Amino acid sequence: MVQLTTEEKELLVSLLISTDVAKEFVLSEINDIEVGQKKLEAYTYQKLIEIYEKIS
């Protein structure tokens, strides 16, 4: 597991969001859940929906 500082994590998240990579990744995860390729708890699915709405 890679150990990142809080500053590094924030920079990485900022970069992913600014280049739309995060949006594509989250949407892909949502789609995988909806078609049954991945199984996650309803809470996690709902959080992904909320994140997608925030970054779209």
Protein backbone atom coordinates (compact mmCIF):
# COMPACT_ATOMS: atom_id res chain seq x y z
CA MET A 1 0.00 0.00 0.00
CA VAL A 2 1.31 3.42 -0.94
CA GLN A 3 1.61 5.85 1.96
CA LEU A 4 0.78 9.42 0.99
CA THR A 5 0.72 12.51 3.14
CA THR A 6 -2.50 14.48 3.42
CA GLU A 7 -1.00 17.14 1.17
CA GLU A 8 -0.11 14.54 -1.47
CA LYS A 9 -3.60 13.04 -1.30
CA GLU A 10 -5.20 16.45 -1.75
CA LEU A 11 -2.96 17.22 -4.72
CA LEU A 12 -3.75 13.86 -6.32
CA VAL A 13 -7.50 14.30 -5.87
CA SER A 14 -7.32 17.85 -7.24
CA LEU A 15 -5.43 16.63 -10.30
CA LEU A 16 -7.87 13.77 -10.94
CA ILE A 17 -10.87 16.07 -10.67
CA SER A 18 -9.39 18.83 -12.82
CA THR A 19 -8.65 16.40 -15.65
CA ASP A 20 -12.06 14.63 -15.46
CA VAL A 21 -10.30 11.33 -14.73
CA ALA A 22 -12.09 11.09 -11.37
CA LYS A 23 -15.48 11.63 -13.01
CA GLU A 24 -14.85 8.88 -15.55
CA PHE A 25 -13.58 6.50 -12.88
CA VAL A 26 -16.55 7.09 -10.57
CA LEU A 27 -19.01 6.73 -13.46
CA SER A 28 -17.35 3.48 -14.48
CA GLU A 29 -17.69 2.12 -10.93
CA ILE A 30 -21.36 3.15 -10.82
CA ASN A 31 -22.03 1.45 -14.15
CA ASP A 32 -20.25 -1.74 -13.03
CA ILE A 33 -22.44 -1.86 -9.93
CA GLU A 34 -25.64 -1.21 -11.88
CA VAL A 35 -24.98 -4.02 -14.37
CA GLY A 36 -23.97 -6.44 -11.63
CA GLN A 37 -20.25 -6.72 -12.41
CA LYS A 38 -19.35 -5.41 -8.95
CA LYS A 39 -21.12 -5.86 -5.66
CA LEU A 40 -20.95 -3.11 -3.06
CA GLU A 41 -23.07 -2.09 -0.12
CA ALA A 42 -25.95 0.28 -0.88
CA TYR A 43 -24.22 2.93 1.27
CA THR A 44 -21.09 2.83 -0.89
CA TYR A 45 -23.15 2.99 -4.08
CA GLN A 46 -25.04 6.03 -2.77
CA LYS A 47 -21.79 7.75 -1.79
CA LEU A 48 -20.43 7.19 -5.32
CA ILE A 49 -23.60 8.79 -6.74
CA GLU A 50 -23.14 11.78 -4.43
CA ILE A 51 -19.47 12.14 -5.39
CA TYR A 52 -20.32 11.97 -9.08
CA GLU A 53 -22.94 14.69 -8.68
CA LYS A 54 -20.43 16.92 -6.89
CA ILE A 55 -17.69 16.56 -9.50
CA SER A 56 -19.93 16.74 -12.59
